Amino acid sequence: MSAPDPSRPVAAFPWAEAMAFGFGRLRLAARDFWALTPRELAAAMRAFIGPERAPLDRAGLATLMARFPDRA
């Protein structure tokens, strides 16, 4: 793995979304939320939203269009 490029800005961690998920969806107490590691929180999120999927490519779109044609 290569070193990060210092000229590229780094996105801030999405704390608001992480806390909303931990407190709202998982109903964690603050003590339990702050005790989680980022990997543990990510694993909990995957349990709800499933694994990350690649975006639809041209072939996948063509397949969907063939299966579900527009009807005018």
Protein backbone atom coordinates (compact mmCIF):
# COMPACT_ATOMS: atom_id res chain seq x y z
CA MET A 1 0.00 0.00 0.00
CA SER A 2 1.37 3.42 -0.91
CA ALA A 3 1.72 6.37 1.42
CA PRO A 4 -1.09 8.94 1.43
CA ASP A 5 -0.66 11.90 -0.89
CA PRO A 6 -0.19 14.98 1.37
CA SER A 7 -1.43 17.29 -1.41
CA ARG A 8 -4.89 15.66 -1.40
CA PRO A 9 -7.35 16.80 1.24
CA VAL A 10 -8.48 14.12 3.66
CA ALA A 11 -12.20 13.81 4.29
CA ALA A 12 -13.24 14.33 7.87
CA PHE A 13 -14.67 11.34 9.70
CA PRO A 14 -18.49 11.43 9.48
CA TRP A 15 -19.09 11.66 13.23
CA ALA A 16 -22.68 12.84 12.94
CA GLU A 17 -23.65 9.83 10.81
CA ALA A 18 -21.68 7.40 12.98
CA MET A 19 -23.31 8.68 16.16
CA ALA A 20 -26.77 8.69 14.57
CA PHE A 21 -26.30 5.06 13.58
CA GLY A 22 -24.80 3.98 16.90
CA PHE A 23 -27.28 5.78 19.12
CA GLY A 24 -30.35 5.63 16.89
CA ARG A 25 -30.17 2.36 14.99
CA LEU A 26 -28.10 0.28 17.40
CA ARG A 27 -29.52 2.02 20.49
CA LEU A 28 -26.12 1.99 22.17
CA ALA A 29 -25.43 3.83 25.38
CA ALA A 30 -22.79 6.55 24.98
CA ARG A 31 -20.33 4.47 27.03
CA ASP A 32 -20.77 1.51 24.66
CA PHE A 33 -20.61 3.61 21.49
CA TRP A 34 -17.35 5.31 22.49
CA ALA A 35 -15.85 1.95 23.48
CA LEU A 36 -16.25 0.62 19.91
CA THR A 37 -13.32 0.60 17.54
CA PRO A 38 -13.94 1.94 14.03
CA ARG A 39 -13.72 -1.64 12.70
CA GLU A 40 -16.37 -2.81 15.17
CA LEU A 41 -18.68 0.05 14.18
CA ALA A 42 -18.11 -0.72 10.48
CA ALA A 43 -18.95 -4.38 11.09
CA ALA A 44 -22.17 -3.41 12.85
CA MET A 45 -23.08 -1.11 9.96
CA ARG A 46 -22.47 -3.88 7.40
CA ALA A 47 -24.85 -6.12 9.35
CA PHE A 48 -27.61 -3.58 8.64
CA ILE A 49 -26.75 -2.28 5.17
CA GLY A 50 -24.92 -5.28 3.69
CA PRO A 51 -21.57 -5.34 1.96
CA GLU A 52 -20.47 -2.48 -0.25
CA ARG A 53 -21.39 -3.09 -3.87
CA ALA A 54 -19.69 -1.88 -7.02
CA PRO A 55 -21.66 0.63 -9.09
CA LEU A 56 -23.72 -0.69 -11.98
CA ASP A 57 -21.62 -0.99 -15.14
CA ARG A 58 -22.74 -0.72 -18.76
CA ALA A 59 -23.27 -4.48 -19.15
CA GLY A 60 -25.34 -4.62 -15.96
CA LEU A 61 -27.48 -1.72 -17.16
CA ALA A 62 -28.01 -3.43 -20.53
CA THR A 63 -29.10 -6.60 -18.74
CA LEU A 64 -31.62 -4.68 -16.61
CA MET A 65 -32.94 -2.82 -19.63
CA ALA A 66 -33.46 -6.11 -21.47
CA ARG A 67 -35.26 -7.66 -18.49
CA PHE A 68 -37.40 -4.62 -17.74
CA PRO A 69 -38.03 -2.69 -20.96
CA ASP A 70 -39.80 0.66 -20.88
CA ARG A 71 -43.41 0.46 -21.93
CA ALA A 72 -44.90 3.55 -23.54
